[in-house]
Structure formats: C-alpha cells, structure tokens
Amino acid sequence: MPEPKFMYNCDLCGSSFQFGPHIYDGKVISRYKLTVCRGCWQGNRDGWDPMVEDRFVEHLKSKGIALPERNSKGWYPRD
C-alpha cells in the first residue's frame, strides 16, 4: 500500500510541496512559525528578498511575531 503524501503550501510563494514521509521538500523555521518550500529556503540565503518581503511581514504580523532587525543588506534575516 502506498504511503500518503503530505502536501503543504509555501507561506511565502504559495507553491505546493511534499513534506513527509521520506520526502521533505521544504523547511520549517520555528522562530517565525513559517513553512517554506525548498526554492524559497535556498534562494534567500542572504535574507528574505524584497520580492517576498510583503508576505513575510504579513505572516509575522498575523502570528503576533515582532519583525526582526534587518541585516547588512537591508533584508530581514532568513533564520
């Protein structure tokens, strides 16, 4: 019997990705209560790109999480 796929939507780009069992194509960032796809995780190593910043800020506000200080590039830190 095939195992069920657990699919999630990225909190930043909205794409659907598999997250268990045995395949984890995303990342949970506990500090922000944020679940992101592999593309968003790997593509934003220097901080959250301005293209996803609005969704990032909206997510944190909806969870009651204070915005972190921006990094040296002027972006919010990834983790």
PDB file of N, CA and C in Angstrom:
ATOM      1  N   MET A   1       0.841  -1.181   0.000  1.00  0.00           N
ATOM      2  CA  MET A   1       0.000   0.000   0.000  1.00  0.00           C
ATOM      3  C   MET A   1       0.887   1.246   0.000  1.00  0.00           C
ATOM      4  N   PRO A   2       0.655   2.165  -0.934  1.00  0.00           N
ATOM      5  CA  PRO A   2       1.474   3.384  -0.978  1.00  0.00           C
ATOM      6  C   PRO A   2       1.200   4.277   0.227  1.00  0.00           C
ATOM      7  N   GLU A   3       2.263   4.931   0.672  1.00  0.00           N
ATOM      8  CA  GLU A   3       2.121   5.858   1.788  1.00  0.00           C
ATOM      9  C   GLU A   3       1.486   7.154   1.298  1.00  0.00           C
ATOM     10  N   PRO A   4       0.684   7.805   2.143  1.00  0.00           N
ATOM     11  CA  PRO A   4       0.066   9.074   1.722  1.00  0.00           C
ATOM     12  C   PRO A   4       1.114  10.174   1.606  1.00  0.00           C
ATOM     13  N   LYS A   5       0.879  11.097   0.700  1.00  0.00           N
ATOM     14  CA  LYS A   5       1.742  12.263   0.561  1.00  0.00           C
ATOM     15  C   LYS A   5       1.169  13.387   1.408  1.00  0.00           C
ATOM     16  N   PHE A   6       2.026  14.073   2.113  1.00  0.00           N
ATOM     17  CA  PHE A   6       1.621  15.225   2.898  1.00  0.00           C
ATOM     18  C   PHE A   6       2.083  16.466   2.149  1.00  0.00           C
ATOM     19  N   MET A   7       1.146  17.223   1.658  1.00  0.00           N
ATOM     20  CA  MET A   7       1.451  18.395   0.848  1.00  0.00           C
ATOM     21  C   MET A   7       1.189  19.664   1.655  1.00  0.00           C
ATOM     22  N   TYR A   8       2.067  20.627   1.504  1.00  0.00           N
ATOM     23  CA  TYR A   8       1.963  21.926   2.167  1.00  0.00           C
ATOM     24  C   TYR A   8       2.068  23.015   1.112  1.00  0.00           C
ATOM     25  N   ASN A   9       1.599  24.195   1.458  1.00  0.00           N
ATOM     26  CA  ASN A   9       1.780  25.372   0.613  1.00  0.00           C
ATOM     27  C   ASN A   9       2.816  26.270   1.273  1.00  0.00           C
ATOM     28  N   CYS A  10       3.739  26.754   0.479  1.00  0.00           N
ATOM     29  CA  CYS A  10       4.779  27.648   0.978  1.00  0.00           C
ATOM     30  C   CYS A  10       4.132  28.935   1.489  1.00  0.00           C
ATOM     31  N   ASP A  11       4.510  29.340   2.699  1.00  0.00           N
ATOM     32  CA  ASP A  11       3.963  30.570   3.279  1.00  0.00           C
ATOM     33  C   ASP A  11       4.415  31.822   2.539  1.00  0.00           C
ATOM     34  N   LEU A  12       5.462  31.716   1.723  1.00  0.00           N
ATOM     35  CA  LEU A  12       5.955  32.902   1.025  1.00  0.00           C
ATOM     36  C   LEU A  12       5.558  32.955  -0.437  1.00  0.00           C
ATOM     37  N   CYS A  13       5.767  31.878  -1.180  1.00  0.00           N
ATOM     38  CA  CYS A  13       5.460  31.923  -2.618  1.00  0.00           C
ATOM     39  C   CYS A  13       4.156  31.224  -2.970  1.00  0.00           C
ATOM     40  N   GLY A  14       3.608  30.445  -2.047  1.00  0.00           N
ATOM     41  CA  GLY A  14       2.335  29.781  -2.278  1.00  0.00           C
ATOM     42  C   GLY A  14       2.417  28.462  -3.024  1.00  0.00           C
ATOM     43  N   SER A  15       3.617  28.053  -3.448  1.00  0.00           N
ATOM     44  CA  SER A  15       3.726  26.795  -4.192  1.00  0.00           C
ATOM     45  C   SER A  15       3.490  25.602  -3.276  1.00  0.00           C
ATOM     46  N   SER A  16       3.027  24.514  -3.861  1.00  0.00           N
ATOM     47  CA  SER A  16       2.753  23.290  -3.130  1.00  0.00           C
ATOM     48  C   SER A  16       3.995  22.409  -3.141  1.00  0.00           C
ATOM     49  N   PHE A  17       4.297  21.778  -1.991  1.00  0.00           N
ATOM     50  CA  PHE A  17       5.451  20.891  -1.910  1.00  0.00           C
ATOM     51  C   PHE A  17       5.177  19.756  -0.940  1.00  0.00           C
ATOM     52  N   GLN A  18       5.888  18.634  -1.165  1.00  0.00           N
ATOM     53  CA  GLN A  18       5.721  17.470  -0.310  1.00  0.00           C
ATOM     54  C   GLN A  18       6.594  17.619   0.929  1.00  0.00           C
ATOM     55  N   PHE A  19       6.006  17.252   2.070  1.00  0.00           N
ATOM     56  CA  PHE A  19       6.712  17.390   3.337  1.00  0.00           C
ATOM     57  C   PHE A  19       6.406  16.187   4.209  1.00  0.00           C
ATOM     58  N   GLY A  20       6.958  15.028   3.825  1.00  0.00           N
ATOM     59  CA  GLY A  20       6.833  13.794   4.574  1.00  0.00           C
ATOM     60  C   GLY A  20       5.875  12.836   3.913  1.00  0.00           C
ATOM     61  N   PRO A  21       5.944  11.561   4.211  1.00  0.00           N
ATOM     62  CA  PRO A  21       7.091  10.897   4.823  1.00  0.00           C
ATOM     63  C   PRO A  21       8.190  10.648   3.801  1.00  0.00           C
ATOM     64  N   HIS A  22       9.396  10.597   4.248  1.00  0.00           N
ATOM     65  CA  HIS A  22      10.606  10.299   3.479  1.00  0.00           C
ATOM     66  C   HIS A  22      11.027  11.400   2.500  1.00  0.00           C
ATOM     67  N   ILE A  23      10.162  12.326   2.168  1.00  0.00           N
ATOM     68  CA  ILE A  23      10.496  13.417   1.253  1.00  0.00           C
ATOM     69  C   ILE A  23      10.138  14.730   1.948  1.00  0.00           C
ATOM     70  N   TYR A  24      11.130  15.560   2.149  1.00  0.00           N
ATOM     71  CA  TYR A  24      10.925  16.841   2.823  1.00  0.00           C
ATOM     72  C   TYR A  24      11.462  17.941   1.918  1.00  0.00           C
ATOM     73  N   ASP A  25      10.591  18.465   1.075  1.00  0.00           N
ATOM     74  CA  ASP A  25      10.979  19.476   0.091  1.00  0.00           C
ATOM     75  C   ASP A  25      10.761  20.897   0.603  1.00  0.00           C
ATOM     76  N   GLY A  26      10.821  21.072   1.913  1.00  0.00           N
ATOM     77  CA  GLY A  26      10.634  22.388   2.494  1.00  0.00           C
ATOM     78  C   GLY A  26      11.375  22.495   3.806  1.00  0.00           C
ATOM     79  N   LYS A  27      11.125  23.565   4.500  1.00  0.00           N
ATOM     80  CA  LYS A  27      11.813  23.852   5.754  1.00  0.00           C
ATOM     81  C   LYS A  27      10.853  24.566   6.687  1.00  0.00           C
ATOM     82  N   VAL A  28      10.843  24.162   7.955  1.00  0.00           N
ATOM     83  CA  VAL A  28      10.072  24.848   8.986  1.00  0.00           C
ATOM     84  C   VAL A  28      11.034  25.752   9.747  1.00  0.00           C
ATOM     85  N   ILE A  29      10.684  27.015   9.848  1.00  0.00           N
ATOM     86  CA  ILE A  29      11.507  27.979  10.574  1.00  0.00           C
ATOM     87  C   ILE A  29      10.738  28.339  11.838  1.00  0.00           C
ATOM     88  N   SER A  30      11.102  27.672  12.926  1.00  0.00           N
ATOM     89  CA  SER A  30      10.359  27.809  14.188  1.00  0.00           C
ATOM     90  C   SER A  30      10.285  29.239  14.675  1.00  0.00           C
ATOM     91  N   ARG A  31      11.382  29.969  14.545  1.00  0.00           N
ATOM     92  CA  ARG A  31      11.442  31.358  15.029  1.00  0.00           C
ATOM     93  C   ARG A  31      10.303  32.195  14.458  1.00  0.00           C
ATOM     94  N   TYR A  32       9.948  31.922  13.207  1.00  0.00           N
ATOM     95  CA  TYR A  32       8.923  32.708  12.519  1.00  0.00           C
ATOM     96  C   TYR A  32       7.594  31.962  12.353  1.00  0.00           C
ATOM     97  N   LYS A  33       7.531  30.704  12.842  1.00  0.00           N
ATOM     98  CA  LYS A  33       6.340  29.862  12.618  1.00  0.00           C
ATOM     99  C   LYS A  33       6.006  29.852  11.124  1.00  0.00           C
ATOM    100  N   LEU A  34       7.037  29.627  10.333  1.00  0.00           N
ATOM    101  CA  LEU A  34       6.969  29.750   8.888  1.00  0.00           C
ATOM    102  C   LEU A  34       7.367  28.422   8.248  1.00  0.00           C
ATOM    103  N   THR A  35       6.619  27.993   7.240  1.00  0.00           N
ATOM    104  CA  THR A  35       6.959  26.801   6.471  1.00  0.00           C
ATOM    105  C   THR A  35       7.152  27.241   5.029  1.00  0.00           C
ATOM    106  N   VAL A  36       8.341  26.974   4.503  1.00  0.00           N
ATOM    107  CA  VAL A  36       8.672  27.434   3.157  1.00  0.00           C
ATOM    108  C   VAL A  36       9.137  26.265   2.290  1.00  0.00           C
ATOM    109  N   CYS A  37       8.973  26.413   0.992  1.00  0.00           N
ATOM    110  CA  CYS A  37       9.438  25.404   0.042  1.00  0.00           C
ATOM    111  C   CYS A  37      10.958  25.458  -0.069  1.00  0.00           C
ATOM    112  N   ARG A  38      11.527  24.434  -0.659  1.00  0.00           N
ATOM    113  CA  ARG A  38      12.975  24.363  -0.833  1.00  0.00           C
ATOM    114  C   ARG A  38      13.492  25.541  -1.660  1.00  0.00           C
ATOM    115  N   GLY A  39      12.746  25.932  -2.687  1.00  0.00           N
ATOM    116  CA  GLY A  39      13.173  27.050  -3.535  1.00  0.00           C
ATOM    117  C   GLY A  39      13.297  28.350  -2.765  1.00  0.00           C
ATOM    118  N   CYS A  40      12.309  28.647  -1.930  1.00  0.00           N
ATOM    119  CA  CYS A  40      12.370  29.879  -1.122  1.00  0.00           C
ATOM    120  C   CYS A  40      13.489  29.788  -0.092  1.00  0.00           C
ATOM    121  N   TRP A  41      13.670  28.614   0.515  1.00  0.00           N
ATOM    122  CA  TRP A  41      14.727  28.456   1.515  1.00  0.00           C
ATOM    123  C   TRP A  41      16.103  28.648   0.883  1.00  0.00           C
ATOM    124  N   GLN A  42      16.360  27.962  -0.212  1.00  0.00           N
ATOM    125  CA  GLN A  42      17.678  28.025  -0.828  1.00  0.00           C
ATOM    126  C   GLN A  42      17.922  29.348  -1.559  1.00  0.00           C
ATOM    127  N   GLY A  43      16.879  29.962  -2.058  1.00  0.00           N
ATOM    128  CA  GLY A  43      17.029  31.184  -2.831  1.00  0.00           C
ATOM    129  C   GLY A  43      17.115  32.456  -2.013  1.00  0.00           C
ATOM    130  N   ASN A  44      17.023  32.328  -0.693  1.00  0.00           N
ATOM    131  CA  ASN A  44      17.041  33.518   0.153  1.00  0.00           C
ATOM    132  C   ASN A  44      18.073  33.410   1.271  1.00  0.00           C
ATOM    133  N   ARG A  45      19.227  32.884   0.952  1.00  0.00           N
ATOM    134  CA  ARG A  45      20.283  32.692   1.958  1.00  0.00           C
ATOM    135  C   ARG A  45      20.745  33.996   2.593  1.00  0.00           C
ATOM    136  N   ASP A  46      20.699  35.074   1.824  1.00  0.00           N
ATOM    137  CA  ASP A  46      21.166  36.372   2.327  1.00  0.00           C
ATOM    138  C   ASP A  46      20.090  37.149   3.076  1.00  0.00           C
ATOM    139  N   GLY A  47      18.919  36.558   3.226  1.00  0.00           N
ATOM    140  CA  GLY A  47      17.794  37.226   3.863  1.00  0.00           C
ATOM    141  C   GLY A  47      16.603  37.172   2.930  1.00  0.00           C
ATOM    142  N   TRP A  48      15.442  37.549   3.432  1.00  0.00           N
ATOM    143  CA  TRP A  48      14.223  37.478   2.622  1.00  0.00           C
ATOM    144  C   TRP A  48      14.225  38.588   1.587  1.00  0.00           C
ATOM    145  N   ASP A  49      14.296  38.168   0.364  1.00  0.00           N
ATOM    146  CA  ASP A  49      14.339  39.045  -0.801  1.00  0.00           C
ATOM    147  C   ASP A  49      13.139  40.001  -0.798  1.00  0.00           C
ATOM    148  N   PRO A  50      13.306  41.214  -1.286  1.00  0.00           N
ATOM    149  CA  PRO A  50      12.189  42.157  -1.343  1.00  0.00           C
ATOM    150  C   PRO A  50      10.964  41.614  -2.085  1.00  0.00           C
ATOM    151  N   MET A  51      11.153  40.634  -2.975  1.00  0.00           N
ATOM    152  CA  MET A  51      10.010  40.064  -3.700  1.00  0.00           C
ATOM    153  C   MET A  51       9.058  39.306  -2.776  1.00  0.00           C
ATOM    154  N   VAL A  52       9.560  38.766  -1.650  1.00  0.00           N
ATOM    155  CA  VAL A  52       8.705  38.027  -0.715  1.00  0.00           C
ATOM    156  C   VAL A  52       8.520  38.773   0.611  1.00  0.00           C
ATOM    157  N   GLU A  53       9.112  39.947   0.711  1.00  0.00           N
ATOM    158  CA  GLU A  53       9.082  40.683   1.973  1.00  0.00           C
ATOM    159  C   GLU A  53       7.664  40.996   2.446  1.00  0.00           C
ATOM    160  N   ASP A  54       6.786  41.418   1.553  1.00  0.00           N
ATOM    161  CA  ASP A  54       5.420  41.747   1.965  1.00  0.00           C
ATOM    162  C   ASP A  54       4.716  40.544   2.586  1.00  0.00           C
ATOM    163  N   ARG A  55       4.858  39.374   1.974  1.00  0.00           N
ATOM    164  CA  ARG A  55       4.227  38.166   2.519  1.00  0.00           C
ATOM    165  C   ARG A  55       4.876  37.769   3.838  1.00  0.00           C
ATOM    166  N   PHE A  56       6.188  37.950   3.954  1.00  0.00           N
ATOM    167  CA  PHE A  56       6.895  37.643   5.192  1.00  0.00           C
ATOM    168  C   PHE A  56       6.385  38.533   6.325  1.00  0.00           C
ATOM    169  N   VAL A  57       6.313  39.828   6.080  1.00  0.00           N
ATOM    170  CA  VAL A  57       5.852  40.779   7.100  1.00  0.00           C
ATOM    171  C   VAL A  57       4.397  40.478   7.471  1.00  0.00           C
ATOM    172  N   GLU A  58       3.558  40.226   6.492  1.00  0.00           N
ATOM    173  CA  GLU A  58       2.146  39.901   6.748  1.00  0.00           C
ATOM    174  C   GLU A  58       2.030  38.639   7.609  1.00  0.00           C
ATOM    175  N   HIS A  59       2.833  37.626   7.303  1.00  0.00           N
ATOM    176  CA  HIS A  59       2.805  36.376   8.071  1.00  0.00           C
ATOM    177  C   HIS A  59       3.180  36.631   9.531  1.00  0.00           C
ATOM    178  N   LEU A  60       4.293  37.348   9.757  1.00  0.00           N
ATOM    179  CA  LEU A  60       4.719  37.607  11.128  1.00  0.00           C
ATOM    180  C   LEU A  60       3.676  38.399  11.906  1.00  0.00           C
ATOM    181  N   LYS A  61       3.082  39.391  11.276  1.00  0.00           N
ATOM    182  CA  LYS A  61       2.044  40.176  11.953  1.00  0.00           C
ATOM    183  C   LYS A  61       0.853  39.306  12.314  1.00  0.00           C
ATOM    184  N   SER A  62       0.467  38.391  11.414  1.00  0.00           N
ATOM    185  CA  SER A  62      -0.684  37.521  11.681  1.00  0.00           C
ATOM    186  C   SER A  62      -0.419  36.553  12.832  1.00  0.00           C
ATOM    187  N   LYS A  63       0.853  36.240  13.079  1.00  0.00           N
ATOM    188  CA  LYS A  63       1.231  35.338  14.169  1.00  0.00           C
ATOM    189  C   LYS A  63       1.617  36.088  15.437  1.00  0.00           C
ATOM    190  N   GLY A  64       1.606  37.423  15.387  1.00  0.00           N
ATOM    191  CA  GLY A  64       1.975  38.220  16.553  1.00  0.00           C
ATOM    192  C   GLY A  64       3.463  38.182  16.862  1.00  0.00           C
ATOM    193  N   ILE A  65       4.283  38.008  15.834  1.00  0.00           N
ATOM    194  CA  ILE A  65       5.737  37.933  15.998  1.00  0.00           C
ATOM    195  C   ILE A  65       6.349  39.271  15.586  1.00  0.00           C
ATOM    196  N   ALA A  66       7.213  39.782  16.438  1.00  0.00           N
ATOM    197  CA  ALA A  66       7.865  41.065  16.145  1.00  0.00           C
ATOM    198  C   ALA A  66       8.802  40.908  14.946  1.00  0.00           C
ATOM    199  N   LEU A  67       8.869  41.946  14.135  1.00  0.00           N
ATOM    200  CA  LEU A  67       9.778  41.923  12.989  1.00  0.00           C
ATOM    201  C   LEU A  67      11.225  41.964  13.484  1.00  0.00           C
ATOM    202  N   PRO A  68      12.090  41.124  12.908  1.00  0.00           N
ATOM    203  CA  PRO A  68      13.499  41.152  13.311  1.00  0.00           C
ATOM    204  C   PRO A  68      14.205  42.362  12.723  1.00  0.00           C
ATOM    205  N   GLU A  69      15.375  42.653  13.248  1.00  0.00           N
ATOM    206  CA  GLU A  69      16.186  43.726  12.671  1.00  0.00           C
ATOM    207  C   GLU A  69      16.679  43.285  11.306  1.00  0.00           C
ATOM    208  N   ARG A  70      16.784  44.234  10.409  1.00  0.00           N
ATOM    209  CA  ARG A  70      17.273  43.930   9.070  1.00  0.00           C
ATOM    210  C   ARG A  70      18.777  43.649   9.119  1.00  0.00           C
ATOM    211  N   ASN A  71      19.241  42.852   8.166  1.00  0.00           N
ATOM    212  CA  ASN A  71      20.665  42.526   8.110  1.00  0.00           C
ATOM    213  C   ASN A  71      21.431  43.623   7.363  1.00  0.00           C
ATOM    214  N   SER A  72      22.705  43.380   7.110  1.00  0.00           N
ATOM    215  CA  SER A  72      23.561  44.387   6.479  1.00  0.00           C
ATOM    216  C   SER A  72      23.129  44.720   5.055  1.00  0.00           C
ATOM    217  N   LYS A  73      22.379  43.827   4.409  1.00  0.00           N
ATOM    218  CA  LYS A  73      21.862  44.095   3.056  1.00  0.00           C
ATOM    219  C   LYS A  73      20.544  44.869   3.099  1.00  0.00           C
ATOM    220  N   GLY A  74      20.009  45.039   4.308  1.00  0.00           N
ATOM    221  CA  GLY A  74      18.732  45.718   4.450  1.00  0.00           C
ATOM    222  C   GLY A  74      17.539  44.774   4.336  1.00  0.00           C
ATOM    223  N   TRP A  75      17.794  43.459   4.390  1.00  0.00           N
ATOM    224  CA  TRP A  75      16.736  42.455   4.292  1.00  0.00           C
ATOM    225  C   TRP A  75      16.498  41.817   5.643  1.00  0.00           C
ATOM    226  N   TYR A  76      15.307  41.255   5.831  1.00  0.00           N
ATOM    227  CA  TYR A  76      15.039  40.522   7.060  1.00  0.00           C
ATOM    228  C   TYR A  76      15.807  39.198   7.013  1.00  0.00           C
ATOM    229  N   PRO A  77      16.415  38.801   8.139  1.00  0.00           N
ATOM    230  CA  PRO A  77      17.209  37.564   8.139  1.00  0.00           C
ATOM    231  C   PRO A  77      16.338  36.335   7.903  1.00  0.00           C
ATOM    232  N   ARG A  78      16.917  35.347   7.252  1.00  0.00           N
ATOM    233  CA  ARG A  78      16.185  34.133   6.896  1.00  0.00           C
ATOM    234  C   ARG A  78      15.875  33.287   8.120  1.00  0.00           C
ATOM    235  N   ASP A  79      16.804  33.179   9.047  1.00  0.00           N
ATOM    236  CA  ASP A  79      16.571  32.370  10.240  1.00  0.00           C
ATOM    237  C   ASP A  79      17.300  32.913  11.442  1.00  0.00           C
TER     238      ASP A  79
END
